[in-house]
């Protein structure tokens, strides 16, 4: 089973004021759009980003068309509590054209919202609709946001079907268990014969 780690370091406080959070909303046609709320607490980064990318593109609607931007507004809360699997927290590195680089742990401490934004944007197609879809994505490090007056709908993440081990490993484990049982039976049989022989001698 994969190890899931979450960021527990010190986070730089970033002021997400209402004007900044509402920036670019005037360029979006909000008529008929739903406001979907994603809670990132305890969620795996890549799985969360793939669900957000699906909703932002509108692929969860039966009216999806690739050349139209029919996606819904996505509000992501608790970005600082997102988790990653394996050793990505220290092994994954973000690069800039200036030569600067940060590990995922350092980037989470600097700006956790940027981690989710990059993960989602890199799952979107590189076309003219990408900027409009980016404007529909609002990410906040905590649970506070300025969109309380909107009709918000919490998004329920689909259940994960976790397969704890591959069939090959399971077969190997069963073989090892059978072998251990046979060895134990053989050892018990030898002990029984030795006990009978000692009784006969006595």
C-alpha atoms as a PDB file:
ATOM      1  CA  UNK A   1       0.000   0.000   0.000  1.00  0.00           C
ATOM      2  CA  UNK A   2       1.303   3.470  -0.880  1.00  0.00           C
ATOM      3  CA  UNK A   3       2.516   5.749   1.872  1.00  0.00           C
ATOM      4  CA  UNK A   4       0.595   9.037   2.028  1.00  0.00           C
ATOM      5  CA  UNK A   5       2.342  12.032   3.564  1.00  0.00           C
ATOM      6  CA  UNK A   6       1.032  15.495   4.287  1.00  0.00           C
ATOM      7  CA  UNK A   7       2.880  18.780   4.748  1.00  0.00           C
ATOM      8  CA  UNK A   8       3.383  19.717   8.398  1.00  0.00           C
ATOM      9  CA  UNK A   9       5.951  22.531   8.168  1.00  0.00           C
ATOM     10  CA  UNK A  10       5.682  26.261   8.708  1.00  0.00           C
ATOM     11  CA  UNK A  11       3.650  28.047   6.062  1.00  0.00           C
ATOM     12  CA  UNK A  12       4.205  31.612   4.896  1.00  0.00           C
ATOM     13  CA  UNK A  13       1.030  33.617   5.513  1.00  0.00           C
ATOM     14  CA  UNK A  14      -0.410  34.942   2.241  1.00  0.00           C
ATOM     15  CA  UNK A  15      -3.197  37.476   2.313  1.00  0.00           C
ATOM     16  CA  UNK A  16      -6.072  36.219   0.155  1.00  0.00           C
ATOM     17  CA  UNK A  17      -8.176  39.351   0.257  1.00  0.00           C
ATOM     18  CA  UNK A  18     -11.598  39.540  -1.384  1.00  0.00           C
ATOM     19  CA  UNK A  19     -10.483  41.731  -4.346  1.00  0.00           C
ATOM     20  CA  UNK A  20      -7.683  39.294  -5.145  1.00  0.00           C
ATOM     21  CA  UNK A  21      -9.960  36.259  -4.815  1.00  0.00           C
ATOM     22  CA  UNK A  22     -12.573  37.872  -7.070  1.00  0.00           C
ATOM     23  CA  UNK A  23     -10.052  39.019  -9.696  1.00  0.00           C
ATOM     24  CA  UNK A  24     -11.079  38.160 -13.250  1.00  0.00           C
ATOM     25  CA  UNK A  25     -14.674  37.171 -12.405  1.00  0.00           C
ATOM     26  CA  UNK A  26     -16.032  39.946 -14.653  1.00  0.00           C
ATOM     27  CA  UNK A  27     -14.502  38.215 -17.665  1.00  0.00           C
ATOM     28  CA  UNK A  28     -16.424  35.002 -16.926  1.00  0.00           C
ATOM     29  CA  UNK A  29     -20.025  34.470 -17.981  1.00  0.00           C
ATOM     30  CA  UNK A  30     -21.439  33.121 -14.698  1.00  0.00           C
ATOM     31  CA  UNK A  31     -24.947  32.463 -16.036  1.00  0.00           C
ATOM     32  CA  UNK A  32     -25.897  28.823 -15.541  1.00  0.00           C
ATOM     33  CA  UNK A  33     -22.609  27.872 -13.888  1.00  0.00           C
ATOM     34  CA  UNK A  34     -22.508  25.831 -10.708  1.00  0.00           C
ATOM     35  CA  UNK A  35     -20.134  26.679  -7.863  1.00  0.00           C
ATOM     36  CA  UNK A  36     -18.428  23.421  -6.880  1.00  0.00           C
ATOM     37  CA  UNK A  37     -16.466  23.251  -3.613  1.00  0.00           C
ATOM     38  CA  UNK A  38     -13.545  20.826  -3.239  1.00  0.00           C
ATOM     39  CA  UNK A  39     -12.114  20.063   0.189  1.00  0.00           C
ATOM     40  CA  UNK A  40      -8.424  19.206  -0.256  1.00  0.00           C
ATOM     41  CA  UNK A  41      -7.897  18.075   3.318  1.00  0.00           C
ATOM     42  CA  UNK A  42      -6.373  14.592   3.308  1.00  0.00           C
ATOM     43  CA  UNK A  43      -6.787  14.226  -0.474  1.00  0.00           C
ATOM     44  CA  UNK A  44      -3.988  12.948  -2.717  1.00  0.00           C
ATOM     45  CA  UNK A  45      -2.715  15.797  -4.913  1.00  0.00           C
ATOM     46  CA  UNK A  46      -2.891  14.110  -8.333  1.00  0.00           C
ATOM     47  CA  UNK A  47      -6.285  12.466  -7.792  1.00  0.00           C
ATOM     48  CA  UNK A  48      -7.764  15.743  -6.567  1.00  0.00           C
ATOM     49  CA  UNK A  49      -6.282  17.665  -9.511  1.00  0.00           C
ATOM     50  CA  UNK A  50      -7.700  15.203 -12.065  1.00  0.00           C
ATOM     51  CA  UNK A  51     -11.225  15.622 -10.624  1.00  0.00           C
ATOM     52  CA  UNK A  52     -10.885  19.428 -10.637  1.00  0.00           C
ATOM     53  CA  UNK A  53      -9.629  19.373 -14.235  1.00  0.00           C
ATOM     54  CA  UNK A  54     -12.657  17.306 -15.265  1.00  0.00           C
ATOM     55  CA  UNK A  55     -15.113  19.755 -13.648  1.00  0.00           C
ATOM     56  CA  UNK A  56     -13.315  22.880 -14.942  1.00  0.00           C
ATOM     57  CA  UNK A  57     -13.512  21.548 -18.509  1.00  0.00           C
ATOM     58  CA  UNK A  58     -17.151  20.521 -18.100  1.00  0.00           C
ATOM     59  CA  UNK A  59     -16.436  16.876 -18.926  1.00  0.00           C
ATOM     60  CA  UNK A  60     -18.851  15.749 -16.223  1.00  0.00           C
ATOM     61  CA  UNK A  61     -21.761  17.233 -18.199  1.00  0.00           C
ATOM     62  CA  UNK A  62     -23.624  15.482 -21.031  1.00  0.00           C
ATOM     63  CA  UNK A  63     -23.378  18.725 -23.057  1.00  0.00           C
ATOM     64  CA  UNK A  64     -19.548  18.719 -23.126  1.00  0.00           C
ATOM     65  CA  UNK A  65     -18.043  20.052 -26.334  1.00  0.00           C
ATOM     66  CA  UNK A  66     -14.239  20.383 -26.748  1.00  0.00           C
ATOM     67  CA  UNK A  67     -14.398  23.810 -28.419  1.00  0.00           C
ATOM     68  CA  UNK A  68     -16.662  25.434 -25.787  1.00  0.00           C
ATOM     69  CA  UNK A  69     -15.892  26.432 -22.219  1.00  0.00           C
ATOM     70  CA  UNK A  70     -18.822  24.931 -20.295  1.00  0.00           C
ATOM     71  CA  UNK A  71     -16.944  24.131 -17.091  1.00  0.00           C
ATOM     72  CA  UNK A  72     -18.152  25.119 -13.631  1.00  0.00           C
ATOM     73  CA  UNK A  73     -16.539  27.380 -11.043  1.00  0.00           C
ATOM     74  CA  UNK A  74     -14.251  25.384  -8.727  1.00  0.00           C
ATOM     75  CA  UNK A  75     -13.410  26.536  -5.205  1.00  0.00           C
ATOM     76  CA  UNK A  76     -10.672  24.525  -3.517  1.00  0.00           C
ATOM     77  CA  UNK A  77     -10.363  24.830   0.273  1.00  0.00           C
ATOM     78  CA  UNK A  78      -7.664  23.654   2.714  1.00  0.00           C
ATOM     79  CA  UNK A  79      -4.936  23.570   0.067  1.00  0.00           C
ATOM     80  CA  UNK A  80      -2.285  23.449   2.799  1.00  0.00           C
ATOM     81  CA  UNK A  81      -3.596  20.037   3.967  1.00  0.00           C
ATOM     82  CA  UNK A  82      -3.229  18.197   0.654  1.00  0.00           C
ATOM     83  CA  UNK A  83      -1.256  14.912   0.739  1.00  0.00           C
ATOM     84  CA  UNK A  84       1.178  13.211  -1.630  1.00  0.00           C
ATOM     85  CA  UNK A  85       2.220   9.575  -1.962  1.00  0.00           C
ATOM     86  CA  UNK A  86       5.707   8.142  -1.784  1.00  0.00           C
ATOM     87  CA  UNK A  87       8.661  10.503  -1.379  1.00  0.00           C
ATOM     88  CA  UNK A  88       7.373  13.314  -3.592  1.00  0.00           C
ATOM     89  CA  UNK A  89       7.450  15.772  -0.703  1.00  0.00           C
ATOM     90  CA  UNK A  90      11.250  15.864  -0.893  1.00  0.00           C
ATOM     91  CA  UNK A  91      11.975  14.369  -4.336  1.00  0.00           C
ATOM     92  CA  UNK A  92       9.622  16.401  -6.557  1.00  0.00           C
ATOM     93  CA  UNK A  93      11.243  19.663  -7.711  1.00  0.00           C
ATOM     94  CA  UNK A  94       9.679  22.744  -9.337  1.00  0.00           C
ATOM     95  CA  UNK A  95      11.899  24.664 -11.773  1.00  0.00           C
ATOM     96  CA  UNK A  96      11.767  28.301 -12.975  1.00  0.00           C
ATOM     97  CA  UNK A  97      13.359  29.839 -16.027  1.00  0.00           C
ATOM     98  CA  UNK A  98      15.515  32.008 -13.724  1.00  0.00           C
ATOM     99  CA  UNK A  99      17.275  28.912 -12.459  1.00  0.00           C
ATOM    100  CA  UNK A 100      15.439  28.887  -9.153  1.00  0.00           C
ATOM    101  CA  UNK A 101      14.171  25.523  -7.937  1.00  0.00           C
ATOM    102  CA  UNK A 102      12.157  24.377  -4.964  1.00  0.00           C
ATOM    103  CA  UNK A 103      11.112  21.001  -3.657  1.00  0.00           C
ATOM    104  CA  UNK A 104       7.428  20.295  -3.142  1.00  0.00           C
ATOM    105  CA  UNK A 105       7.927  20.764   0.608  1.00  0.00           C
ATOM    106  CA  UNK A 106       9.456  24.231   0.112  1.00  0.00           C
ATOM    107  CA  UNK A 107       6.749  25.203  -2.376  1.00  0.00           C
ATOM    108  CA  UNK A 108       4.030  24.117   0.073  1.00  0.00           C
ATOM    109  CA  UNK A 109       5.631  26.342   2.705  1.00  0.00           C
ATOM    110  CA  UNK A 110       5.837  29.262   0.251  1.00  0.00           C
ATOM    111  CA  UNK A 111       2.449  29.012  -1.498  1.00  0.00           C
ATOM    112  CA  UNK A 112       0.330  25.811  -1.234  1.00  0.00           C
ATOM    113  CA  UNK A 113      -2.276  27.164  -3.661  1.00  0.00           C
ATOM    114  CA  UNK A 114       0.295  27.265  -6.466  1.00  0.00           C
ATOM    115  CA  UNK A 115       0.964  23.528  -6.067  1.00  0.00           C
ATOM    116  CA  UNK A 116      -2.668  22.612  -6.797  1.00  0.00           C
ATOM    117  CA  UNK A 117      -2.951  25.242  -9.555  1.00  0.00           C
ATOM    118  CA  UNK A 118       0.067  23.866 -11.411  1.00  0.00           C
ATOM    119  CA  UNK A 119      -1.152  20.287 -11.010  1.00  0.00           C
ATOM    120  CA  UNK A 120      -4.561  21.206 -12.511  1.00  0.00           C
ATOM    121  CA  UNK A 121      -3.250  23.446 -15.311  1.00  0.00           C
ATOM    122  CA  UNK A 122      -0.812  20.773 -16.463  1.00  0.00           C
ATOM    123  CA  UNK A 123      -3.775  18.408 -16.882  1.00  0.00           C
ATOM    124  CA  UNK A 124      -5.666  20.843 -19.138  1.00  0.00           C
ATOM    125  CA  UNK A 125      -5.211  20.944 -22.921  1.00  0.00           C
ATOM    126  CA  UNK A 126      -2.914  23.714 -24.182  1.00  0.00           C
ATOM    127  CA  UNK A 127      -5.401  25.745 -26.209  1.00  0.00           C
ATOM    128  CA  UNK A 128      -7.147  29.147 -26.179  1.00  0.00           C
ATOM    129  CA  UNK A 129      -9.649  28.042 -23.533  1.00  0.00           C
ATOM    130  CA  UNK A 130      -6.955  27.359 -20.971  1.00  0.00           C
ATOM    131  CA  UNK A 131      -6.826  30.907 -19.541  1.00  0.00           C
ATOM    132  CA  UNK A 132     -10.623  31.035 -19.152  1.00  0.00           C
ATOM    133  CA  UNK A 133     -10.575  27.705 -17.337  1.00  0.00           C
ATOM    134  CA  UNK A 134      -7.791  28.967 -15.103  1.00  0.00           C
ATOM    135  CA  UNK A 135      -9.966  31.927 -14.072  1.00  0.00           C
ATOM    136  CA  UNK A 136     -12.684  29.521 -12.938  1.00  0.00           C
ATOM    137  CA  UNK A 137     -10.302  27.933 -10.452  1.00  0.00           C
ATOM    138  CA  UNK A 138     -10.185  29.634  -7.022  1.00  0.00           C
ATOM    139  CA  UNK A 139      -7.856  28.058  -4.462  1.00  0.00           C
ATOM    140  CA  UNK A 140      -7.537  28.995  -0.784  1.00  0.00           C
ATOM    141  CA  UNK A 141      -5.034  27.658   1.780  1.00  0.00           C
ATOM    142  CA  UNK A 142      -7.627  27.479   4.575  1.00  0.00           C
ATOM    143  CA  UNK A 143     -11.368  26.998   4.883  1.00  0.00           C
ATOM    144  CA  UNK A 144     -12.260  30.712   4.582  1.00  0.00           C
ATOM    145  CA  UNK A 145     -13.358  32.185   1.253  1.00  0.00           C
ATOM    146  CA  UNK A 146     -15.353  35.261   0.109  1.00  0.00           C
ATOM    147  CA  UNK A 147     -17.955  33.344  -1.948  1.00  0.00           C
ATOM    148  CA  UNK A 148     -20.375  32.545   0.865  1.00  0.00           C
ATOM    149  CA  UNK A 149     -23.213  34.398  -0.904  1.00  0.00           C
ATOM    150  CA  UNK A 150     -23.026  32.050  -3.921  1.00  0.00           C
ATOM    151  CA  UNK A 151     -25.042  28.799  -4.241  1.00  0.00           C
ATOM    152  CA  UNK A 152     -22.203  26.440  -3.349  1.00  0.00           C
ATOM    153  CA  UNK A 153     -22.322  22.686  -4.018  1.00  0.00           C
ATOM    154  CA  UNK A 154     -19.822  20.461  -2.175  1.00  0.00           C
ATOM    155  CA  UNK A 155     -18.124  18.046  -4.551  1.00  0.00           C
ATOM    156  CA  UNK A 156     -18.030  14.429  -3.377  1.00  0.00           C
ATOM    157  CA  UNK A 157     -14.836  12.670  -4.429  1.00  0.00           C
ATOM    158  CA  UNK A 158     -15.481   9.250  -6.026  1.00  0.00           C
ATOM    159  CA  UNK A 159     -14.513   6.298  -3.820  1.00  0.00           C
ATOM    160  CA  UNK A 160     -11.112   4.787  -4.461  1.00  0.00           C
ATOM    161  CA  UNK A 161     -10.917   1.069  -5.147  1.00  0.00           C
ATOM    162  CA  UNK A 162      -7.587   0.363  -3.480  1.00  0.00           C
ATOM    163  CA  UNK A 163      -5.948  -2.917  -4.412  1.00  0.00           C
ATOM    164  CA  UNK A 164      -3.566  -3.607  -1.590  1.00  0.00           C
ATOM    165  CA  UNK A 165      -1.335  -5.935  -3.593  1.00  0.00           C
ATOM    166  CA  UNK A 166      -0.993  -7.240  -7.128  1.00  0.00           C
ATOM    167  CA  UNK A 167      -2.117 -10.808  -7.927  1.00  0.00           C
ATOM    168  CA  UNK A 168       1.509 -11.857  -8.374  1.00  0.00           C
ATOM    169  CA  UNK A 169       2.449 -10.667  -4.873  1.00  0.00           C
ATOM    170  CA  UNK A 170      -0.684 -12.284  -3.432  1.00  0.00           C
ATOM    171  CA  UNK A 171       0.226 -15.659  -4.992  1.00  0.00           C
ATOM    172  CA  UNK A 172       3.767 -15.353  -3.645  1.00  0.00           C
ATOM    173  CA  UNK A 173       2.406 -14.585  -0.180  1.00  0.00           C
ATOM    174  CA  UNK A 174       0.082 -17.632  -0.303  1.00  0.00           C
ATOM    175  CA  UNK A 175       2.983 -19.865  -1.406  1.00  0.00           C
ATOM    176  CA  UNK A 176       5.137 -18.562   1.445  1.00  0.00           C
ATOM    177  CA  UNK A 177       2.325 -19.215   3.952  1.00  0.00           C
ATOM    178  CA  UNK A 178       1.845 -22.795   2.677  1.00  0.00           C
ATOM    179  CA  UNK A 179       5.574 -23.416   2.831  1.00  0.00           C
ATOM    180  CA  UNK A 180       5.730 -22.124   6.421  1.00  0.00           C
ATOM    181  CA  UNK A 181       2.769 -24.361   7.385  1.00  0.00           C
ATOM    182  CA  UNK A 182       4.436 -27.429   5.826  1.00  0.00           C
ATOM    183  CA  UNK A 183       7.693 -26.699   7.648  1.00  0.00           C
ATOM    184  CA  UNK A 184       5.804 -26.339  10.925  1.00  0.00           C
ATOM    185  CA  UNK A 185       3.941 -29.643  10.345  1.00  0.00           C
ATOM    186  CA  UNK A 186       7.215 -31.399   9.544  1.00  0.00           C
ATOM    187  CA  UNK A 187       8.801 -29.993  12.683  1.00  0.00           C
ATOM    188  CA  UNK A 188       5.799 -31.090  14.789  1.00  0.00           C
ATOM    189  CA  UNK A 189       5.949 -34.594  13.237  1.00  0.00           C
ATOM    190  CA  UNK A 190       9.645 -34.962  14.086  1.00  0.00           C
ATOM    191  CA  UNK A 191       9.003 -33.835  17.661  1.00  0.00           C
ATOM    192  CA  UNK A 192       6.200 -36.403  17.968  1.00  0.00           C
ATOM    193  CA  UNK A 193       8.415 -39.252  16.686  1.00  0.00           C
ATOM    194  CA  UNK A 194      11.246 -38.244  19.031  1.00  0.00           C
ATOM    195  CA  UNK A 195       8.805 -38.221  21.974  1.00  0.00           C
ATOM    196  CA  UNK A 196       7.502 -41.719  21.105  1.00  0.00           C
ATOM    197  CA  UNK A 197      11.049 -43.071  20.756  1.00  0.00           C
ATOM    198  CA  UNK A 198      12.012 -41.659  24.172  1.00  0.00           C
ATOM    199  CA  UNK A 199       8.911 -43.256  25.757  1.00  0.00           C
ATOM    200  CA  UNK A 200       9.792 -46.638  24.234  1.00  0.00           C
ATOM    201  CA  UNK A 201      13.356 -46.396  25.596  1.00  0.00           C
ATOM    202  CA  UNK A 202      12.049 -45.510  29.068  1.00  0.00           C
END
